[in-house]
Amino acid sequence: MPLGASITFGVGKDPQNGENGYRKYVRDWLIAEGYEVDMVGSQTGNGQMPDNVRTSISLKYLPCR
């Protein structure tokens, strides 16, 4: 499950990656290594990669201890 803030959501355009954040790189790498990949999460959208789901949260909601 891709979990994180703006880097997971895909803020800002990467010319080679679009607005997929790090998720597309990780997915493509795992598939190239022979793994079967099924991205999971509670949110969709942002980016045009296949299997485009993630859970993005704002850092302000993470408790600091």
N, C-alpha and C. Protein backbone atom coordinates (compact mmCIF):
# COMPACT_ATOMS: atom_id res chain seq x y z
N MET A 1 0.85 -1.17 0.00
CA MET A 1 0.00 0.00 0.00
C MET A 1 0.90 1.23 0.00
N PRO A 2 0.84 2.05 -1.05
CA PRO A 2 1.58 3.31 -1.04
C PRO A 2 0.98 4.25 0.01
N LEU A 3 1.76 4.65 0.97
CA LEU A 3 1.29 5.50 2.06
C LEU A 3 2.24 6.67 2.22
N GLY A 4 1.71 7.87 2.29
CA GLY A 4 2.55 9.04 2.48
C GLY A 4 1.79 10.31 2.20
N ALA A 5 2.53 11.39 2.03
CA ALA A 5 1.93 12.71 1.81
C ALA A 5 2.06 13.09 0.33
N SER A 6 2.57 14.29 0.04
CA SER A 6 2.58 14.80 -1.32
C SER A 6 3.39 13.94 -2.29
N ILE A 7 4.45 13.31 -1.83
CA ILE A 7 5.25 12.48 -2.73
C ILE A 7 4.47 11.24 -3.17
N THR A 8 3.57 10.76 -2.33
CA THR A 8 2.72 9.63 -2.69
C THR A 8 1.58 10.09 -3.59
N PHE A 9 1.02 11.24 -3.28
CA PHE A 9 -0.07 11.80 -4.07
C PHE A 9 0.41 12.13 -5.47
N GLY A 10 1.63 12.64 -5.59
CA GLY A 10 2.18 12.97 -6.89
C GLY A 10 2.12 14.45 -7.19
N VAL A 11 2.42 15.29 -6.22
CA VAL A 11 2.41 16.74 -6.42
C VAL A 11 3.58 17.13 -7.32
N GLY A 12 3.32 18.00 -8.26
CA GLY A 12 4.36 18.45 -9.18
C GLY A 12 4.54 17.47 -10.32
N LYS A 13 4.87 17.99 -11.48
CA LYS A 13 5.00 17.11 -12.65
C LYS A 13 6.44 16.72 -12.88
N ASP A 14 6.67 15.45 -12.97
CA ASP A 14 7.95 14.87 -13.37
C ASP A 14 7.80 14.59 -14.86
N PRO A 15 8.68 15.12 -15.72
CA PRO A 15 8.51 14.95 -17.16
C PRO A 15 8.40 13.49 -17.61
N GLN A 16 9.02 12.57 -16.90
CA GLN A 16 8.97 11.16 -17.28
C GLN A 16 7.91 10.38 -16.52
N ASN A 17 7.42 10.93 -15.43
CA ASN A 17 6.54 10.16 -14.54
C ASN A 17 5.16 10.78 -14.39
N GLY A 18 4.94 11.97 -14.90
CA GLY A 18 3.64 12.62 -14.72
C GLY A 18 3.40 12.98 -13.27
N GLU A 19 2.19 12.76 -12.80
CA GLU A 19 1.82 13.08 -11.42
C GLU A 19 1.54 11.81 -10.63
N ASN A 20 2.39 10.83 -10.78
CA ASN A 20 2.21 9.55 -10.11
C ASN A 20 3.02 9.42 -8.83
N GLY A 21 3.79 10.44 -8.46
CA GLY A 21 4.65 10.34 -7.29
C GLY A 21 5.67 9.22 -7.51
N TYR A 22 6.11 8.59 -6.44
CA TYR A 22 7.06 7.50 -6.54
C TYR A 22 6.38 6.18 -6.92
N ARG A 23 5.05 6.15 -6.87
CA ARG A 23 4.31 4.90 -7.03
C ARG A 23 4.58 4.20 -8.36
N LYS A 24 4.64 4.95 -9.47
CA LYS A 24 4.84 4.32 -10.78
C LYS A 24 6.23 3.71 -10.87
N TYR A 25 7.25 4.41 -10.36
CA TYR A 25 8.61 3.86 -10.38
C TYR A 25 8.67 2.53 -9.63
N VAL A 26 8.08 2.50 -8.44
CA VAL A 26 8.11 1.28 -7.62
C VAL A 26 7.32 0.17 -8.30
N ARG A 27 6.14 0.49 -8.81
CA ARG A 27 5.32 -0.52 -9.49
C ARG A 27 6.04 -1.09 -10.70
N ASP A 28 6.58 -0.21 -11.55
CA ASP A 28 7.29 -0.67 -12.75
C ASP A 28 8.51 -1.53 -12.40
N TRP A 29 9.24 -1.14 -11.36
CA TRP A 29 10.42 -1.90 -10.94
C TRP A 29 10.03 -3.29 -10.46
N LEU A 30 8.99 -3.36 -9.62
CA LEU A 30 8.56 -4.66 -9.11
C LEU A 30 8.10 -5.58 -10.24
N ILE A 31 7.36 -5.04 -11.19
CA ILE A 31 6.90 -5.83 -12.33
C ILE A 31 8.09 -6.31 -13.15
N ALA A 32 9.06 -5.42 -13.38
CA ALA A 32 10.26 -5.79 -14.14
C ALA A 32 11.05 -6.90 -13.44
N GLU A 33 10.97 -6.96 -12.11
CA GLU A 33 11.65 -7.99 -11.35
C GLU A 33 10.86 -9.29 -11.28
N GLY A 34 9.67 -9.30 -11.89
CA GLY A 34 8.88 -10.52 -11.96
C GLY A 34 7.80 -10.66 -10.91
N TYR A 35 7.58 -9.63 -10.11
CA TYR A 35 6.54 -9.69 -9.08
C TYR A 35 5.18 -9.36 -9.67
N GLU A 36 4.14 -9.96 -9.12
CA GLU A 36 2.78 -9.60 -9.45
C GLU A 36 2.40 -8.46 -8.52
N VAL A 37 1.93 -7.35 -9.06
CA VAL A 37 1.68 -6.15 -8.26
C VAL A 37 0.21 -5.78 -8.30
N ASP A 38 -0.37 -5.52 -7.13
CA ASP A 38 -1.72 -5.00 -7.01
C ASP A 38 -1.66 -3.88 -5.99
N MET A 39 -1.64 -2.64 -6.47
CA MET A 39 -1.60 -1.48 -5.58
C MET A 39 -2.94 -1.40 -4.84
N VAL A 40 -2.89 -1.08 -3.56
CA VAL A 40 -4.12 -0.96 -2.77
C VAL A 40 -4.10 0.38 -2.04
N GLY A 41 -5.26 0.82 -1.63
CA GLY A 41 -5.40 2.07 -0.90
C GLY A 41 -6.84 2.52 -0.94
N SER A 42 -7.12 3.60 -0.26
CA SER A 42 -8.50 4.07 -0.16
C SER A 42 -8.80 5.23 -1.11
N GLN A 43 -7.81 5.68 -1.90
CA GLN A 43 -8.01 6.82 -2.78
C GLN A 43 -7.55 6.49 -4.19
N THR A 44 -8.19 7.14 -5.17
CA THR A 44 -7.80 6.99 -6.57
C THR A 44 -7.57 8.37 -7.16
N GLY A 45 -7.02 8.38 -8.37
CA GLY A 45 -6.83 9.64 -9.09
C GLY A 45 -5.42 10.15 -8.97
N ASN A 46 -5.19 11.31 -9.56
CA ASN A 46 -3.87 11.96 -9.65
C ASN A 46 -2.84 11.00 -10.24
N GLY A 47 -2.50 11.26 -11.46
CA GLY A 47 -1.60 10.39 -12.19
C GLY A 47 -2.38 9.54 -13.17
N GLN A 48 -1.67 9.01 -14.13
CA GLN A 48 -2.34 8.23 -15.17
C GLN A 48 -1.84 6.79 -15.22
N MET A 49 -1.18 6.32 -14.19
CA MET A 49 -0.64 4.96 -14.21
C MET A 49 -1.76 3.94 -14.05
N PRO A 50 -1.54 2.72 -14.56
CA PRO A 50 -2.51 1.65 -14.30
C PRO A 50 -2.53 1.33 -12.80
N ASP A 51 -3.64 0.80 -12.32
CA ASP A 51 -3.74 0.38 -10.92
C ASP A 51 -3.43 1.56 -10.00
N ASN A 52 -4.08 2.69 -10.27
CA ASN A 52 -3.77 3.98 -9.66
C ASN A 52 -4.53 4.21 -8.36
N VAL A 53 -4.13 3.53 -7.30
CA VAL A 53 -4.73 3.75 -5.98
C VAL A 53 -3.63 3.99 -4.96
N ARG A 54 -3.98 4.70 -3.90
CA ARG A 54 -3.02 5.02 -2.86
C ARG A 54 -3.78 5.55 -1.66
N THR A 55 -3.07 5.75 -0.56
CA THR A 55 -3.61 6.45 0.59
C THR A 55 -2.64 7.57 0.92
N SER A 56 -3.08 8.81 0.69
CA SER A 56 -2.25 9.99 0.95
C SER A 56 -2.82 10.73 2.15
N ILE A 57 -1.95 11.12 3.05
CA ILE A 57 -2.38 11.85 4.24
C ILE A 57 -1.50 13.08 4.41
N SER A 58 -2.05 14.09 5.03
CA SER A 58 -1.28 15.29 5.33
C SER A 58 -0.43 15.02 6.57
N LEU A 59 0.80 15.49 6.54
CA LEU A 59 1.68 15.29 7.69
C LEU A 59 1.15 15.94 8.96
N LYS A 60 0.28 16.93 8.81
CA LYS A 60 -0.24 17.59 10.02
C LYS A 60 -1.11 16.66 10.85
N TYR A 61 -1.55 15.53 10.26
CA TYR A 61 -2.37 14.57 10.99
C TYR A 61 -1.57 13.47 11.66
N LEU A 62 -0.26 13.45 11.43
CA LEU A 62 0.57 12.43 12.06
C LEU A 62 1.00 12.90 13.45
N PRO A 63 0.79 12.08 14.47
CA PRO A 63 1.19 12.48 15.81
C PRO A 63 2.71 12.50 15.97
N CYS A 64 3.22 13.55 16.54
CA CYS A 64 4.66 13.64 16.83
C CYS A 64 4.87 13.27 18.29
N ARG A 65 5.79 12.40 18.53
CA ARG A 65 6.03 11.97 19.93
C ARG A 65 7.42 12.28 20.34
